[in-house]
Amino acid sequence: MRLNQLPPAERPRERLLRCGAQALTEIELLALFLRTGVAGQDALELAQSLLINHGGLPGLLRAGAGQLLAARGLGPAKATQLLAALELSRRFLEAGLRQGEMLTDPARAGEYLSMQLRPHLNEVFAVIFLDNQHRMLAFEELFTGTINSTEVHPREIVRRALAHNAAAVILAHNHPSGVAEPSVADQSLTRRIVEAMALIGVRVLDHFIVGAGPPTSLAERGML
């Protein structure tokens, strides 16, 4: 439905003011960001077209500047604003953690890791290093692979944990396919890392798999 066909009270801006941003769809949120459409498409239709052409919001947000500039309806101003908005979101999440927030909420950890890993086109394995009060010491992307696999060395994770004097870690990797289900190999790797970290007295709190939707927590699945 076109924007001008919606009742005034049901248009994205009015709904956001009335119900909050969480009540809006991705299309509506992007339309608000775009503000205007192009010839033949209003802002809602343009937002829908951009999401479809890029494989959804994760694809749009992982697109580089060149891809965004080439997209119909995104000129240099809107493309750079979109890239800046994503980077601000990343830095906002990271700033809160670096200021000493205790990372004990799985949803908070998953949100942060999704923001960091979802834009990658290849598999990336990362680790959050925590102190004994579960405050973040560092976030590091340690291994990068292909579109469907990456080679992970537990000994390198042990080395970095010792370097940070970490008491605990949270593991994470992305599935560029968008499917966040843990494979048999994922579970086996997690067990190997847990065993390696136990030798130096460092706990593995969780292992998140980041896909297109909410990340999957292996701890919540009982796989740790």
Protein backbone atom coordinates (compact mmCIF):
# COMPACT_ATOMS: atom_id res chain seq x y z
CA MET A 1 0.00 0.00 0.00
CA ARG A 2 1.26 3.46 -0.85
CA LEU A 3 1.99 5.88 1.95
CA ASN A 4 -0.74 8.32 0.94
CA GLN A 5 -3.30 5.51 1.02
CA LEU A 6 -2.74 4.85 4.72
CA PRO A 7 -4.94 6.57 7.29
CA PRO A 8 -2.96 9.46 8.82
CA ALA A 9 -2.82 7.74 12.22
CA GLU A 10 -1.32 4.57 10.67
CA ARG A 11 1.56 6.23 8.83
CA PRO A 12 5.04 5.34 10.11
CA ARG A 13 5.87 8.65 11.77
CA GLU A 14 2.57 8.82 13.63
CA ARG A 15 2.77 5.17 14.70
CA LEU A 16 6.33 5.65 15.96
CA LEU A 17 5.29 8.64 18.06
CA ARG A 18 2.27 6.78 19.39
CA CYS A 19 3.66 3.24 19.88
CA GLY A 20 7.45 3.57 19.83
CA ALA A 21 10.02 2.58 17.22
CA GLN A 22 9.83 -1.12 18.19
CA ALA A 23 6.28 -1.27 16.80
CA LEU A 24 7.39 -0.46 13.25
CA THR A 25 8.45 -2.93 10.59
CA GLU A 26 11.87 -2.78 8.95
CA ILE A 27 10.24 -1.30 5.85
CA GLU A 28 8.59 1.45 7.89
CA LEU A 29 11.77 2.28 9.79
CA LEU A 30 13.79 2.48 6.59
CA ALA A 31 11.07 4.61 4.96
CA LEU A 32 11.31 7.08 7.84
CA PHE A 33 15.06 7.21 7.36
CA LEU A 34 14.72 7.79 3.60
CA ARG A 35 11.98 10.41 4.11
CA THR A 36 11.26 10.69 0.38
CA GLY A 37 10.92 8.31 -2.54
CA VAL A 38 11.81 8.55 -6.22
CA ALA A 39 9.77 8.87 -9.38
CA GLY A 40 7.09 6.17 -9.30
CA GLN A 41 7.87 5.04 -5.75
CA ASP A 42 7.07 6.68 -2.45
CA ALA A 43 9.31 6.19 0.60
CA LEU A 44 7.56 2.96 1.71
CA GLU A 45 7.81 1.40 -1.75
CA LEU A 46 11.44 2.47 -2.11
CA ALA A 47 12.28 1.00 1.30
CA GLN A 48 10.63 -2.29 0.36
CA SER A 49 12.47 -2.38 -2.97
CA LEU A 50 15.84 -1.74 -1.32
CA LEU A 51 15.31 -4.51 1.23
CA ILE A 52 14.21 -7.01 -1.41
CA ASN A 53 17.10 -6.18 -3.75
CA HIS A 54 19.67 -6.56 -0.98
CA GLY A 55 18.26 -9.71 0.62
CA GLY A 56 16.71 -8.00 3.63
CA LEU A 57 18.07 -5.64 6.26
CA PRO A 58 21.27 -7.62 6.96
CA GLY A 59 22.19 -7.51 3.27
CA LEU A 60 21.46 -3.81 3.03
CA LEU A 61 23.52 -3.01 6.11
CA ARG A 62 26.47 -5.13 4.98
CA ALA A 63 26.52 -3.46 1.57
CA GLY A 64 29.56 -1.28 0.93
CA ALA A 65 29.49 2.35 -0.08
CA GLY A 66 29.76 1.44 -3.78
CA GLN A 67 26.72 -0.84 -3.65
CA LEU A 68 24.64 1.70 -1.77
CA LEU A 69 25.58 4.48 -4.15
CA ALA A 70 24.53 2.28 -7.07
CA ALA A 71 21.11 1.56 -5.56
CA ARG A 72 18.22 3.43 -7.13
CA GLY A 73 16.93 6.01 -4.70
CA LEU A 74 20.09 6.24 -2.58
CA GLY A 75 22.24 9.16 -3.57
CA PRO A 76 25.52 10.05 -1.86
CA ALA A 77 23.76 11.83 1.02
CA LYS A 78 21.41 9.00 1.96
CA ALA A 79 24.01 6.29 1.37
CA THR A 80 26.56 7.94 3.65
CA GLN A 81 23.87 8.64 6.27
CA LEU A 82 22.90 4.96 6.29
CA LEU A 83 26.52 3.87 6.70
CA ALA A 84 27.04 6.43 9.46
CA ALA A 85 23.87 5.33 11.29
CA LEU A 86 25.07 1.71 11.35
CA GLU A 87 28.50 2.71 12.61
CA LEU A 88 26.98 4.88 15.33
CA SER A 89 24.87 1.93 16.45
CA ARG A 90 27.96 -0.29 16.66
CA ARG A 91 29.87 2.30 18.64
CA PHE A 92 26.91 2.91 20.98
CA LEU A 93 26.75 -0.78 21.87
CA GLU A 94 30.50 -1.04 22.27
CA ALA A 95 30.78 2.15 24.36
CA GLY A 96 28.35 0.86 26.97
CA LEU A 97 30.28 -2.36 27.34
CA ARG A 98 33.67 -0.69 27.47
CA GLN A 99 32.46 1.66 30.19
CA GLY A 100 32.23 -1.28 32.57
CA GLU A 101 28.81 -2.78 32.01
CA MET A 102 28.59 -6.32 33.31
CA LEU A 103 27.79 -8.58 30.37
CA THR A 104 25.53 -11.12 32.06
CA ASP A 105 22.41 -10.73 29.90
CA PRO A 106 22.49 -13.13 26.91
CA ALA A 107 20.21 -10.83 24.90
CA ARG A 108 22.61 -7.91 25.39
CA ALA A 109 25.60 -9.99 24.34
CA GLY A 110 23.74 -11.34 21.32
CA GLU A 111 22.70 -7.85 20.24
CA TYR A 112 26.27 -6.61 20.39
CA LEU A 113 27.68 -9.61 18.54
CA SER A 114 25.01 -9.44 15.84
CA MET A 115 25.89 -5.82 15.16
CA GLN A 116 29.56 -6.70 14.89
CA LEU A 117 29.38 -9.89 12.81
CA ARG A 118 26.24 -9.72 10.67
CA PRO A 119 27.74 -7.38 8.02
CA HIS A 120 30.54 -9.85 7.13
CA LEU A 121 30.19 -11.74 3.85
CA ASN A 122 32.53 -14.53 4.98
CA GLU A 123 32.51 -16.52 8.21
CA VAL A 124 34.29 -14.72 11.03
CA PHE A 125 35.03 -16.17 14.47
CA ALA A 126 35.25 -13.65 17.28
CA VAL A 127 35.74 -13.62 21.04
CA ILE A 128 34.69 -11.26 23.81
CA PHE A 129 37.22 -11.37 26.66
CA LEU A 130 35.81 -10.63 30.13
CA ASP A 131 37.22 -9.96 33.57
CA ASN A 132 36.12 -11.81 36.71
CA GLN A 133 33.05 -9.56 37.02
CA HIS A 134 32.10 -10.28 33.39
CA ARG A 135 32.99 -6.79 32.17
CA MET A 136 34.36 -6.63 28.65
CA LEU A 137 38.12 -6.34 28.34
CA ALA A 138 38.26 -6.64 24.57
CA PHE A 139 36.45 -7.84 21.47
CA GLU A 140 38.58 -9.49 18.79
CA GLU A 141 37.81 -11.04 15.42
CA LEU A 142 40.39 -13.80 15.46
CA PHE A 143 39.68 -15.94 12.40
CA THR A 144 38.23 -15.24 8.95
CA GLY A 145 37.24 -17.97 6.50
CA THR A 146 35.09 -18.54 3.44
CA ILE A 147 31.36 -18.07 2.93
CA ASN A 148 30.58 -21.34 4.73
CA SER A 149 33.50 -22.23 6.99
CA THR A 150 36.47 -20.91 8.93
CA GLU A 151 39.43 -22.65 10.56
CA VAL A 152 39.59 -21.94 14.29
CA HIS A 153 42.61 -22.70 16.48
CA PRO A 154 41.77 -23.04 20.21
CA ARG A 155 45.41 -22.43 21.13
CA GLU A 156 45.20 -18.91 19.67
CA ILE A 157 42.11 -18.18 21.76
CA VAL A 158 44.02 -19.42 24.82
CA ARG A 159 46.96 -17.16 23.92
CA ARG A 160 44.74 -14.09 23.58
CA ALA A 161 42.88 -14.88 26.81
CA LEU A 162 46.19 -15.00 28.67
CA ALA A 163 47.28 -11.74 27.02
CA HIS A 164 44.12 -10.02 28.28
CA ASN A 165 44.26 -11.75 31.68
CA ALA A 166 40.67 -12.80 31.01
CA ALA A 167 38.56 -14.75 33.48
CA ALA A 168 35.86 -15.68 30.97
CA VAL A 169 35.07 -15.49 27.29
CA ILE A 170 32.06 -15.41 24.99
CA LEU A 171 32.55 -17.01 21.59
CA ALA A 172 30.73 -16.04 18.41
CA HIS A 173 30.74 -16.63 14.71
CA ASN A 174 28.43 -15.71 11.86
CA HIS A 175 26.67 -17.80 9.25
CA PRO A 176 26.56 -15.67 6.07
CA SER A 177 23.77 -17.94 4.78
CA GLY A 178 21.55 -16.33 7.41
CA VAL A 179 20.66 -19.65 9.11
CA ALA A 180 21.81 -19.49 12.73
CA GLU A 181 21.42 -23.19 13.56
CA PRO A 182 24.53 -24.77 15.14
CA SER A 183 26.08 -27.53 13.08
CA VAL A 184 27.70 -30.69 14.45
CA ALA A 185 31.06 -29.07 13.67
CA ASP A 186 30.06 -25.96 15.65
CA GLN A 187 29.22 -28.07 18.68
CA SER A 188 32.42 -30.07 18.42
CA LEU A 189 34.53 -26.91 18.11
CA THR A 190 32.81 -25.41 21.14
CA ARG A 191 33.64 -28.47 23.25
CA ARG A 192 37.28 -28.31 22.18
CA ILE A 193 37.53 -24.64 23.11
CA VAL A 194 35.81 -25.23 26.47
CA GLU A 195 38.33 -27.98 27.24
CA ALA A 196 41.30 -25.83 26.17
CA MET A 197 40.14 -22.83 28.21
CA ALA A 198 39.52 -24.99 31.28
CA LEU A 199 43.24 -25.81 31.36
CA ILE A 200 44.01 -22.14 32.10
CA GLY A 201 41.00 -21.55 34.36
CA VAL A 202 38.98 -19.45 31.91
CA ARG A 203 35.23 -20.09 31.59
CA VAL A 204 33.40 -20.16 28.27
CA LEU A 205 30.08 -18.48 29.07
CA ASP A 206 28.43 -18.88 25.69
CA HIS A 207 28.88 -19.35 21.97
CA PHE A 208 26.60 -17.29 19.74
CA ILE A 209 25.84 -18.02 16.11
CA VAL A 210 24.82 -14.91 14.21
CA GLY A 211 22.48 -15.22 11.24
CA ALA A 212 19.71 -13.19 9.66
CA GLY A 213 17.44 -13.20 12.72
CA PRO A 214 18.10 -13.31 16.46
CA PRO A 215 21.43 -14.99 17.26
CA THR A 216 21.44 -18.53 18.60
CA SER A 217 22.93 -19.10 22.04
CA LEU A 218 24.48 -22.53 22.52
CA ALA A 219 24.29 -22.04 26.29
CA GLU A 220 20.53 -21.56 26.08
CA ARG A 221 20.33 -24.69 23.92
CA GLY A 222 22.20 -26.68 26.57
CA MET A 223 25.13 -27.29 24.21
CA LEU A 224 27.93 -25.97 26.43
